Amino acid sequence: MIGCATVLGLLGFGVGFVAAWVTGSAHLTPLSAGAMTGGMTFAAALFLILKDQMRHCSAMKRVRRRLQERDDVDAERFCHSLSECDPALLLHIREAVATFFDVPLTNIHPDDHLRTDYQLDVMEPGFHTVVIFHVLAQVKAVPGPFTFSLDSLTGYREFSAHVQNIVKELESGTDDNDT
């Protein structure tokens, strides 16, 4: 967090220093111009990073609290509600979601709406990254580059299909490289 703000502050320092040096300002030395722009850039970046971090933590607490207050749903009922999906993959996804929110598996329901129940507008990109890499580890697929969009995803049916496509793409890419 501070590292990112520092890099941006140094960039601001460089821009201010060069701008004052190029313009040859008599009232402002390049060093003071760099220090002012660097300091202001650092402070602004740090403020925005902290604001975003507080927003994420607050949303995580709200989602976790809501999930923990619900009735339990066992694995059989979870998979039965989504019978057209691969049950093993569903359970891996469910485990990853429970791990992400640090709640028991039984608090993850099959009819959860990803965007509203999990506040994905705040949780992205961490949510899908944690879930995908957890599932890849469970199915022993070699991680690699993939594209993923939550724009059309609303529930576990679509989410499971997208995760399955990513696993297949990575497995086929691995097979292609081995031959």
N, C-alpha and C. Protein backbone atom coordinates (compact mmCIF):
# COMPACT_ATOMS: atom_id res chain seq x y z
N MET A 1 0.83 -1.18 0.00
CA MET A 1 0.00 0.00 0.00
C MET A 1 0.88 1.25 0.00
N ILE A 2 1.79 1.34 0.96
CA ILE A 2 2.66 2.51 1.02
C ILE A 2 3.64 2.48 -0.14
N GLY A 3 4.02 1.27 -0.56
CA GLY A 3 4.94 1.14 -1.69
C GLY A 3 4.36 1.73 -2.97
N CYS A 4 3.08 1.47 -3.23
CA CYS A 4 2.43 2.02 -4.42
C CYS A 4 2.38 3.55 -4.34
N ALA A 5 2.00 4.05 -3.18
CA ALA A 5 1.93 5.51 -3.01
C ALA A 5 3.31 6.14 -3.15
N THR A 6 4.34 5.43 -2.68
CA THR A 6 5.71 5.94 -2.79
C THR A 6 6.15 6.02 -4.24
N VAL A 7 5.86 4.99 -5.00
CA VAL A 7 6.21 4.99 -6.42
C VAL A 7 5.52 6.14 -7.14
N LEU A 8 4.24 6.32 -6.86
CA LEU A 8 3.52 7.43 -7.48
C LEU A 8 4.07 8.77 -7.01
N GLY A 9 4.44 8.86 -5.73
CA GLY A 9 5.04 10.10 -5.22
C GLY A 9 6.36 10.40 -5.90
N LEU A 10 7.18 9.37 -6.11
CA LEU A 10 8.45 9.57 -6.82
C LEU A 10 8.22 10.00 -8.26
N LEU A 11 7.21 9.44 -8.88
CA LEU A 11 6.86 9.86 -10.24
C LEU A 11 6.44 11.33 -10.24
N GLY A 12 5.61 11.72 -9.27
CA GLY A 12 5.21 13.12 -9.14
C GLY A 12 6.40 14.03 -8.90
N PHE A 13 7.34 13.57 -8.07
CA PHE A 13 8.56 14.33 -7.82
C PHE A 13 9.32 14.53 -9.13
N GLY A 14 9.46 13.46 -9.90
CA GLY A 14 10.18 13.55 -11.18
C GLY A 14 9.51 14.52 -12.13
N VAL A 15 8.21 14.46 -12.24
CA VAL A 15 7.48 15.36 -13.14
C VAL A 15 7.65 16.81 -12.69
N GLY A 16 7.49 17.06 -11.39
CA GLY A 16 7.64 18.43 -10.87
C GLY A 16 9.05 18.94 -11.05
N PHE A 17 10.03 18.09 -10.78
CA PHE A 17 11.44 18.48 -10.93
C PHE A 17 11.75 18.84 -12.38
N VAL A 18 11.36 17.98 -13.31
CA VAL A 18 11.65 18.22 -14.73
C VAL A 18 10.89 19.45 -15.22
N ALA A 19 9.63 19.59 -14.82
CA ALA A 19 8.85 20.75 -15.27
C ALA A 19 9.48 22.06 -14.79
N ALA A 20 9.91 22.12 -13.54
CA ALA A 20 10.54 23.34 -13.02
C ALA A 20 11.89 23.57 -13.67
N TRP A 21 12.61 22.53 -13.92
CA TRP A 21 13.94 22.65 -14.54
C TRP A 21 13.83 23.12 -15.99
N VAL A 22 12.84 22.56 -16.75
CA VAL A 22 12.66 22.93 -18.16
C VAL A 22 12.16 24.37 -18.28
N THR A 23 11.24 24.76 -17.42
CA THR A 23 10.68 26.11 -17.53
C THR A 23 11.62 27.17 -16.96
N GLY A 24 12.58 26.74 -16.14
CA GLY A 24 13.55 27.69 -15.59
C GLY A 24 12.92 28.71 -14.68
N SER A 25 11.97 28.31 -13.89
CA SER A 25 11.26 29.21 -12.99
C SER A 25 12.24 29.83 -11.99
N ALA A 26 12.16 31.15 -11.84
CA ALA A 26 13.02 31.87 -10.91
C ALA A 26 12.49 31.78 -9.48
N HIS A 27 11.18 31.56 -9.34
CA HIS A 27 10.57 31.54 -8.02
C HIS A 27 10.54 30.15 -7.40
N LEU A 28 10.73 29.14 -8.23
CA LEU A 28 10.58 27.78 -7.74
C LEU A 28 11.75 26.94 -8.24
N THR A 29 12.52 26.43 -7.32
CA THR A 29 13.65 25.59 -7.72
C THR A 29 13.12 24.21 -8.13
N PRO A 30 13.82 23.51 -8.99
CA PRO A 30 13.37 22.17 -9.39
C PRO A 30 13.19 21.23 -8.20
N LEU A 31 14.06 21.35 -7.22
CA LEU A 31 13.96 20.47 -6.06
C LEU A 31 12.69 20.74 -5.25
N SER A 32 12.35 22.01 -5.04
CA SER A 32 11.14 22.32 -4.28
C SER A 32 9.88 21.98 -5.08
N ALA A 33 9.91 22.20 -6.39
CA ALA A 33 8.76 21.84 -7.23
C ALA A 33 8.56 20.33 -7.22
N GLY A 34 9.66 19.59 -7.31
CA GLY A 34 9.56 18.13 -7.24
C GLY A 34 9.05 17.65 -5.91
N ALA A 35 9.53 18.26 -4.84
CA ALA A 35 9.09 17.88 -3.49
C ALA A 35 7.60 18.16 -3.29
N MET A 36 7.13 19.30 -3.78
CA MET A 36 5.71 19.63 -3.63
C MET A 36 4.83 18.68 -4.43
N THR A 37 5.14 18.49 -5.70
CA THR A 37 4.29 17.61 -6.51
C THR A 37 4.40 16.16 -6.04
N GLY A 38 5.61 15.74 -5.66
CA GLY A 38 5.78 14.38 -5.15
C GLY A 38 5.03 14.16 -3.86
N GLY A 39 5.10 15.12 -2.95
CA GLY A 39 4.39 15.02 -1.68
C GLY A 39 2.89 15.00 -1.85
N MET A 40 2.39 15.85 -2.71
CA MET A 40 0.94 15.89 -2.95
C MET A 40 0.47 14.61 -3.63
N THR A 41 1.25 14.11 -4.59
CA THR A 41 0.89 12.86 -5.27
C THR A 41 0.91 11.70 -4.29
N PHE A 42 1.93 11.63 -3.44
CA PHE A 42 2.02 10.58 -2.43
C PHE A 42 0.81 10.63 -1.50
N ALA A 43 0.48 11.81 -1.00
CA ALA A 43 -0.66 11.95 -0.08
C ALA A 43 -1.97 11.57 -0.75
N ALA A 44 -2.18 12.00 -1.99
CA ALA A 44 -3.42 11.67 -2.70
C ALA A 44 -3.52 10.18 -2.96
N ALA A 45 -2.42 9.58 -3.39
CA ALA A 45 -2.43 8.14 -3.66
C ALA A 45 -2.68 7.35 -2.38
N LEU A 46 -2.03 7.74 -1.31
CA LEU A 46 -2.20 7.05 -0.03
C LEU A 46 -3.65 7.18 0.45
N PHE A 47 -4.22 8.36 0.32
CA PHE A 47 -5.61 8.57 0.71
C PHE A 47 -6.55 7.67 -0.10
N LEU A 48 -6.37 7.62 -1.41
CA LEU A 48 -7.24 6.80 -2.25
C LEU A 48 -7.07 5.31 -1.97
N ILE A 49 -5.84 4.89 -1.72
CA ILE A 49 -5.59 3.49 -1.40
C ILE A 49 -6.26 3.12 -0.08
N LEU A 50 -6.11 3.97 0.92
CA LEU A 50 -6.74 3.72 2.22
C LEU A 50 -8.26 3.70 2.11
N LYS A 51 -8.80 4.61 1.33
CA LYS A 51 -10.25 4.66 1.13
C LYS A 51 -10.74 3.36 0.49
N ASP A 52 -10.04 2.89 -0.53
CA ASP A 52 -10.41 1.66 -1.20
C ASP A 52 -10.27 0.46 -0.26
N GLN A 53 -9.22 0.44 0.54
CA GLN A 53 -9.01 -0.64 1.49
C GLN A 53 -10.12 -0.66 2.55
N MET A 54 -10.51 0.49 3.04
CA MET A 54 -11.60 0.56 4.03
C MET A 54 -12.92 0.11 3.42
N ARG A 55 -13.16 0.49 2.18
CA ARG A 55 -14.38 0.08 1.47
C ARG A 55 -14.41 -1.44 1.33
N HIS A 56 -13.29 -2.04 0.95
CA HIS A 56 -13.21 -3.48 0.79
C HIS A 56 -13.41 -4.19 2.13
N CYS A 57 -12.76 -3.73 3.18
CA CYS A 57 -12.90 -4.35 4.50
C CYS A 57 -14.32 -4.25 5.02
N SER A 58 -14.94 -3.11 4.82
CA SER A 58 -16.32 -2.92 5.26
C SER A 58 -17.27 -3.86 4.51
N ALA A 59 -17.10 -3.97 3.21
CA ALA A 59 -17.94 -4.87 2.43
C ALA A 59 -17.71 -6.33 2.83
N MET A 60 -16.46 -6.69 3.06
CA MET A 60 -16.14 -8.05 3.48
C MET A 60 -16.82 -8.38 4.80
N LYS A 61 -16.82 -7.46 5.75
CA LYS A 61 -17.48 -7.69 7.04
C LYS A 61 -18.99 -7.83 6.87
N ARG A 62 -19.58 -6.97 6.03
CA ARG A 62 -21.03 -7.05 5.80
C ARG A 62 -21.42 -8.39 5.18
N VAL A 63 -20.68 -8.80 4.15
CA VAL A 63 -20.99 -10.07 3.48
C VAL A 63 -20.79 -11.23 4.45
N ARG A 64 -19.69 -11.24 5.16
CA ARG A 64 -19.39 -12.32 6.11
C ARG A 64 -20.49 -12.41 7.17
N ARG A 65 -20.90 -11.28 7.70
CA ARG A 65 -21.94 -11.27 8.74
C ARG A 65 -23.26 -11.83 8.18
N ARG A 66 -23.63 -11.38 6.96
CA ARG A 66 -24.86 -11.88 6.34
C ARG A 66 -24.80 -13.38 6.08
N LEU A 67 -23.67 -13.85 5.61
CA LEU A 67 -23.52 -15.28 5.33
C LEU A 67 -23.60 -16.10 6.62
N GLN A 68 -23.00 -15.61 7.69
CA GLN A 68 -22.98 -16.36 8.94
C GLN A 68 -24.35 -16.40 9.61
N GLU A 69 -25.22 -15.45 9.31
CA GLU A 69 -26.54 -15.40 9.94
C GLU A 69 -27.56 -16.32 9.27
N ARG A 70 -27.19 -16.93 8.15
CA ARG A 70 -28.14 -17.75 7.40
C ARG A 70 -28.19 -19.19 7.90
N ASP A 71 -29.25 -19.87 7.47
CA ASP A 71 -29.38 -21.30 7.77
C ASP A 71 -28.33 -22.08 6.98
N ASP A 72 -27.99 -23.24 7.50
CA ASP A 72 -27.00 -24.09 6.85
C ASP A 72 -27.62 -24.86 5.68
N VAL A 73 -26.80 -25.05 4.65
CA VAL A 73 -27.18 -25.88 3.50
C VAL A 73 -26.08 -26.91 3.33
N ASP A 74 -26.45 -28.20 3.40
CA ASP A 74 -25.44 -29.24 3.27
C ASP A 74 -25.03 -29.42 1.80
N ALA A 75 -23.96 -30.16 1.60
CA ALA A 75 -23.38 -30.35 0.26
C ALA A 75 -24.36 -31.04 -0.68
N GLU A 76 -25.11 -32.01 -0.17
CA GLU A 76 -26.06 -32.74 -1.03
C GLU A 76 -27.14 -31.80 -1.56
N ARG A 77 -27.71 -31.00 -0.69
CA ARG A 77 -28.75 -30.05 -1.12
C ARG A 77 -28.17 -28.99 -2.05
N PHE A 78 -26.94 -28.55 -1.78
CA PHE A 78 -26.28 -27.57 -2.64
C PHE A 78 -26.13 -28.12 -4.05
N CYS A 79 -25.61 -29.33 -4.18
CA CYS A 79 -25.39 -29.93 -5.50
C CYS A 79 -26.71 -30.31 -6.18
N HIS A 80 -27.69 -30.75 -5.40
CA HIS A 80 -28.99 -31.13 -5.97
C HIS A 80 -29.68 -29.91 -6.60
N SER A 81 -29.53 -28.76 -5.99
CA SER A 81 -30.15 -27.54 -6.53
C SER A 81 -29.52 -27.11 -7.85
N LEU A 82 -28.32 -27.57 -8.10
CA LEU A 82 -27.59 -27.23 -9.32
C LEU A 82 -27.23 -28.52 -10.06
N SER A 83 -28.22 -29.36 -10.26
CA SER A 83 -27.99 -30.72 -10.76
C SER A 83 -27.35 -30.78 -12.14
N GLU A 84 -27.50 -29.74 -12.94
CA GLU A 84 -26.92 -29.76 -14.29
C GLU A 84 -25.42 -29.43 -14.29
N CYS A 85 -24.89 -29.05 -13.14
CA CYS A 85 -23.47 -28.70 -13.02
C CYS A 85 -22.67 -29.89 -12.48
N ASP A 86 -21.38 -29.88 -12.75
CA ASP A 86 -20.47 -30.91 -12.24
C ASP A 86 -20.39 -30.78 -10.72
N PRO A 87 -20.84 -31.80 -9.97
CA PRO A 87 -20.87 -31.68 -8.51
C PRO A 87 -19.49 -31.49 -7.88
N ALA A 88 -18.48 -32.16 -8.40
CA ALA A 88 -17.14 -32.02 -7.83
C ALA A 88 -16.63 -30.59 -8.00
N LEU A 89 -16.85 -30.03 -9.17
CA LEU A 89 -16.43 -28.65 -9.43
C LEU A 89 -17.22 -27.68 -8.55
N LEU A 90 -18.51 -27.92 -8.41
CA LEU A 90 -19.34 -27.07 -7.55
C LEU A 90 -18.82 -27.05 -6.11
N LEU A 91 -18.45 -28.21 -5.62
CA LEU A 91 -17.96 -28.27 -4.25
C LEU A 91 -16.61 -27.57 -4.10
N HIS A 92 -15.77 -27.66 -5.12
CA HIS A 92 -14.50 -26.91 -5.09
C HIS A 92 -14.76 -25.41 -5.09
N ILE A 93 -15.69 -24.98 -5.93
CA ILE A 93 -16.03 -23.54 -6.00
C ILE A 93 -16.62 -23.09 -4.66
N ARG A 94 -17.51 -23.89 -4.12
CA ARG A 94 -18.13 -23.55 -2.84
C ARG A 94 -17.09 -23.43 -1.74
N GLU A 95 -16.15 -24.36 -1.73
CA GLU A 95 -15.07 -24.32 -0.74
C GLU A 95 -14.22 -23.06 -0.90
N ALA A 96 -13.94 -22.70 -2.14
CA ALA A 96 -13.13 -21.50 -2.40
C ALA A 96 -13.86 -20.23 -1.96
N VAL A 97 -15.16 -20.16 -2.23
CA VAL A 97 -15.95 -19.00 -1.82
C VAL A 97 -16.00 -18.91 -0.29
N ALA A 98 -16.20 -20.05 0.36
CA ALA A 98 -16.23 -20.06 1.82
C ALA A 98 -14.87 -19.64 2.39
N THR A 99 -13.81 -20.08 1.75
CA THR A 99 -12.47 -19.69 2.19
C THR A 99 -12.26 -18.19 2.00
N PHE A 100 -12.68 -17.67 0.86
CA PHE A 100 -12.51 -16.25 0.57
C PHE A 100 -13.19 -15.39 1.64
N PHE A 101 -14.43 -15.77 2.00
CA PHE A 101 -15.19 -14.98 2.99
C PHE A 101 -14.96 -15.45 4.42
N ASP A 102 -14.18 -16.51 4.60
CA ASP A 102 -13.86 -17.05 5.93
C ASP A 102 -15.13 -17.40 6.70
N VAL A 103 -15.99 -18.18 6.04
CA VAL A 103 -17.22 -18.67 6.65
C VAL A 103 -17.29 -20.18 6.45
N PRO A 104 -18.12 -20.87 7.23
CA PRO A 104 -18.28 -22.31 7.02
C PRO A 104 -18.90 -22.60 5.65
N LEU A 105 -18.57 -23.76 5.08
CA LEU A 105 -19.12 -24.16 3.78
C LEU A 105 -20.64 -24.12 3.75
N THR A 106 -21.24 -24.49 4.85
CA THR A 106 -22.70 -24.58 4.91
C THR A 106 -23.40 -23.23 4.78
N ASN A 107 -22.65 -22.14 4.91
CA ASN A 107 -23.24 -20.80 4.77
C ASN A 107 -23.33 -20.36 3.31
N ILE A 108 -22.73 -21.11 2.41
CA ILE A 108 -22.77 -20.77 0.98
C ILE A 108 -23.95 -21.52 0.37
N HIS A 109 -24.90 -20.76 -0.18
CA HIS A 109 -26.14 -21.33 -0.71
C HIS A 109 -26.12 -21.39 -2.24
N PRO A 110 -26.83 -22.36 -2.82
CA PRO A 110 -26.82 -22.50 -4.28
C PRO A 110 -27.54 -21.38 -5.02
N ASP A 111 -28.44 -20.69 -4.34
CA ASP A 111 -29.19 -19.62 -4.99
C ASP A 111 -28.61 -18.23 -4.71
N ASP A 112 -27.39 -18.18 -4.23
CA ASP A 112 -26.75 -16.88 -3.98
C ASP A 112 -26.57 -16.12 -5.29
N HIS A 113 -26.86 -14.85 -5.24
CA HIS A 113 -26.63 -13.98 -6.39
C HIS A 113 -25.24 -13.37 -6.21
N LEU A 114 -24.35 -13.68 -7.13
CA LEU A 114 -22.95 -13.30 -6.97
C LEU A 114 -22.76 -11.80 -6.79
N ARG A 115 -23.42 -11.02 -7.58
CA ARG A 115 -23.20 -9.56 -7.54
C ARG A 115 -23.72 -8.93 -6.26
N THR A 116 -24.94 -9.27 -5.87
CA THR A 116 -25.55 -8.60 -4.73
C THR A 116 -25.19 -9.26 -3.40
N ASP A 117 -25.27 -10.60 -3.34
CA ASP A 117 -24.99 -11.29 -2.07
C ASP A 117 -23.52 -11.19 -1.68
N TYR A 118 -22.64 -11.17 -2.67
CA TYR A 118 -21.20 -11.15 -2.39
C TYR A 118 -20.56 -9.80 -2.67
N GLN A 119 -21.35 -8.82 -3.08
CA GLN A 119 -20.87 -7.46 -3.38
C GLN A 119 -19.62 -7.48 -4.28
N LEU A 120 -19.74 -8.15 -5.41
CA LEU A 120 -18.58 -8.32 -6.29
C LEU A 120 -18.06 -7.02 -6.87
N ASP A 121 -18.88 -5.99 -6.91
CA ASP A 121 -18.36 -4.71 -7.40
C ASP A 121 -17.22 -4.21 -6.53
N VAL A 122 -17.20 -4.59 -5.25
CA VAL A 122 -16.13 -4.21 -4.33
C VAL A 122 -15.07 -5.30 -4.23
N MET A 123 -15.47 -6.55 -4.34
CA MET A 123 -14.58 -7.69 -4.10
C MET A 123 -13.67 -8.04 -5.28
N GLU A 124 -13.99 -7.54 -6.44
CA GLU A 124 -13.17 -7.87 -7.62
C GLU A 124 -11.88 -7.10 -7.60
N PRO A 125 -10.80 -7.60 -8.13
CA PRO A 125 -10.59 -8.87 -8.82
C PRO A 125 -10.19 -10.00 -7.88
N GLY A 126 -10.08 -9.70 -6.60
CA GLY A 126 -9.64 -10.73 -5.66
C GLY A 126 -10.53 -11.94 -5.59
N PHE A 127 -11.85 -11.72 -5.68
CA PHE A 127 -12.80 -12.83 -5.54
C PHE A 127 -12.54 -13.90 -6.58
N HIS A 128 -12.61 -13.53 -7.85
CA HIS A 128 -12.48 -14.58 -8.87
C HIS A 128 -11.07 -15.15 -8.93
N THR A 129 -10.07 -14.35 -8.60
CA THR A 129 -8.70 -14.86 -8.60
C THR A 129 -8.53 -15.94 -7.54
N VAL A 130 -9.02 -15.69 -6.33
CA VAL A 130 -8.93 -16.68 -5.26
C VAL A 130 -9.70 -17.94 -5.63
N VAL A 131 -10.91 -17.77 -6.14
CA VAL A 131 -11.74 -18.93 -6.48
C VAL A 131 -11.10 -19.74 -7.60
N ILE A 132 -10.67 -19.09 -8.66
CA ILE A 132 -10.08 -19.81 -9.79
C ILE A 132 -8.82 -20.56 -9.36
N PHE A 133 -7.91 -19.89 -8.68
CA PHE A 133 -6.67 -20.55 -8.29
C PHE A 133 -6.90 -21.65 -7.26
N HIS A 134 -7.91 -21.51 -6.40
CA HIS A 134 -8.25 -22.57 -5.47
C HIS A 134 -8.75 -23.80 -6.24
N VAL A 135 -9.64 -23.58 -7.19
CA VAL A 135 -10.17 -24.69 -7.99
C VAL A 135 -9.06 -25.34 -8.81
N LEU A 136 -8.18 -24.53 -9.40
CA LEU A 136 -7.07 -25.09 -10.18
C LEU A 136 -6.18 -25.98 -9.32
N ALA A 137 -5.95 -25.57 -8.09
CA ALA A 137 -5.14 -26.38 -7.18
C ALA A 137 -5.86 -27.68 -6.84
N GLN A 138 -7.18 -27.61 -6.65
CA GLN A 138 -7.94 -28.80 -6.29
C GLN A 138 -7.99 -29.83 -7.42
N VAL A 139 -8.11 -29.35 -8.66
CA VAL A 139 -8.19 -30.28 -9.80
C VAL A 139 -6.82 -30.57 -10.39
N LYS A 140 -5.79 -30.03 -9.74
CA LYS A 140 -4.39 -30.24 -10.13
C LYS A 140 -4.10 -29.78 -11.56
N ALA A 141 -4.73 -28.68 -11.96
CA ALA A 141 -4.45 -28.08 -13.26
C ALA A 141 -3.31 -27.09 -13.09
N VAL A 142 -2.51 -26.96 -14.11
CA VAL A 142 -1.38 -26.04 -14.05
C VAL A 142 -1.90 -24.62 -14.28
N PRO A 143 -1.67 -23.71 -13.33
CA PRO A 143 -2.14 -22.33 -13.51
C PRO A 143 -1.47 -21.69 -14.72
N GLY A 144 -2.21 -20.86 -15.38
CA GLY A 144 -1.70 -20.13 -16.52
C GLY A 144 -2.57 -18.92 -16.77
N PRO A 145 -2.29 -18.20 -17.82
CA PRO A 145 -3.11 -17.01 -18.11
C PRO A 145 -4.52 -17.42 -18.54
N PHE A 146 -5.47 -16.64 -18.10
CA PHE A 146 -6.86 -16.87 -18.50
C PHE A 146 -7.60 -15.55 -18.47
N THR A 147 -8.68 -15.49 -19.20
CA THR A 147 -9.54 -14.31 -19.15
C THR A 147 -10.82 -14.71 -18.43
N PHE A 148 -11.34 -13.75 -17.71
CA PHE A 148 -12.52 -14.03 -16.91
C PHE A 148 -13.31 -12.76 -16.75
N SER A 149 -14.59 -12.83 -17.02
CA SER A 149 -15.44 -11.66 -16.88
C SER A 149 -16.67 -12.04 -16.06
N LEU A 150 -16.98 -11.24 -15.10
CA LEU A 150 -18.16 -11.48 -14.28
C LEU A 150 -19.38 -10.71 -14.78
N ASP A 151 -19.25 -10.07 -15.93
CA ASP A 151 -20.34 -9.24 -16.44
C ASP A 151 -21.65 -10.01 -16.60
N SER A 152 -21.59 -11.24 -17.12
CA SER A 152 -22.81 -11.99 -17.39
C SER A 152 -23.13 -13.00 -16.29
N LEU A 153 -22.35 -13.03 -15.24
CA LEU A 153 -22.56 -14.03 -14.20
C LEU A 153 -23.48 -13.50 -13.11
N THR A 154 -24.45 -14.33 -12.77
CA THR A 154 -25.35 -13.95 -11.69
C THR A 154 -25.37 -15.00 -10.59
N GLY A 155 -25.27 -16.28 -10.95
CA GLY A 155 -25.36 -17.34 -9.96
C GLY A 155 -24.33 -18.43 -10.20
N TYR A 156 -24.49 -19.49 -9.44
CA TYR A 156 -23.51 -20.58 -9.50
C TYR A 156 -23.57 -21.38 -10.80
N ARG A 157 -24.70 -21.42 -11.49
CA ARG A 157 -24.76 -22.14 -12.77
C ARG A 157 -23.79 -21.52 -13.77
N GLU A 158 -23.89 -20.22 -13.96
CA GLU A 158 -23.01 -19.53 -14.90
C GLU A 158 -21.57 -19.53 -14.40
N PHE A 159 -21.41 -19.33 -13.11
CA PHE A 159 -20.08 -19.28 -12.53
C PHE A 159 -19.36 -20.63 -12.71
N SER A 160 -20.09 -21.70 -12.44
CA SER A 160 -19.53 -23.04 -12.60
C SER A 160 -19.13 -23.30 -14.06
N ALA A 161 -19.98 -22.89 -14.99
CA ALA A 161 -19.67 -23.08 -16.41
C ALA A 161 -18.41 -22.31 -16.81
N HIS A 162 -18.28 -21.09 -16.33
CA HIS A 162 -17.09 -20.29 -16.66
C HIS A 162 -15.83 -20.88 -16.04
N VAL A 163 -15.92 -21.32 -14.81
CA VAL A 163 -14.76 -21.93 -14.16
C VAL A 163 -14.38 -23.21 -14.89
N GLN A 164 -15.38 -23.99 -15.28
CA GLN A 164 -15.11 -25.23 -16.02
C GLN A 164 -14.42 -24.94 -17.35
N ASN A 165 -14.85 -23.89 -18.04
CA ASN A 165 -14.21 -23.50 -19.30
C ASN A 165 -12.75 -23.11 -19.08
N ILE A 166 -12.48 -22.40 -18.01
CA ILE A 166 -11.10 -22.00 -17.72
C ILE A 166 -10.24 -23.22 -17.43
N VAL A 167 -10.76 -24.14 -16.64
CA VAL A 167 -10.01 -25.36 -16.32
C VAL A 167 -9.73 -26.14 -17.60
N LYS A 168 -10.74 -26.27 -18.47
CA LYS A 168 -10.54 -27.01 -19.73
C LYS A 168 -9.52 -26.31 -20.62
N GLU A 169 -9.60 -24.99 -20.72
CA GLU A 169 -8.64 -24.25 -21.54
C GLU A 169 -7.22 -24.44 -21.03
N LEU A 170 -7.04 -24.37 -19.73
CA LEU A 170 -5.70 -24.53 -19.16
C LEU A 170 -5.20 -25.96 -19.32
N GLU A 171 -6.10 -26.93 -19.14
CA GLU A 171 -5.68 -28.33 -19.32
C GLU A 171 -5.34 -28.63 -20.77
N SER A 172 -6.13 -28.07 -21.70
CA SER A 172 -5.81 -28.32 -23.11
C SER A 172 -4.55 -27.59 -23.52
N GLY A 173 -4.31 -26.44 -22.96
CA GLY A 173 -3.07 -25.72 -23.23
C GLY A 173 -1.88 -26.46 -22.69
N THR A 174 -2.03 -27.10 -21.55
CA THR A 174 -0.96 -27.89 -20.96
C THR A 174 -0.69 -29.11 -21.82
N ASP A 175 -1.75 -29.75 -22.29
CA ASP A 175 -1.58 -30.93 -23.14
C ASP A 175 -0.89 -30.57 -24.44
N ASP A 176 -1.24 -29.42 -25.01
CA ASP A 176 -0.63 -29.00 -26.27
C ASP A 176 0.87 -28.76 -26.10
N ASN A 177 1.27 -28.23 -24.97
CA ASN A 177 2.68 -27.95 -24.75
C ASN A 177 3.48 -29.22 -24.48
N ASP A 178 2.82 -30.27 -23.96
CA ASP A 178 3.54 -31.50 -23.64
C ASP A 178 3.81 -32.33 -24.88
N THR A 179 3.00 -32.20 -25.95
CA THR A 179 3.20 -33.03 -27.13
C THR A 179 4.11 -32.42 -28.14
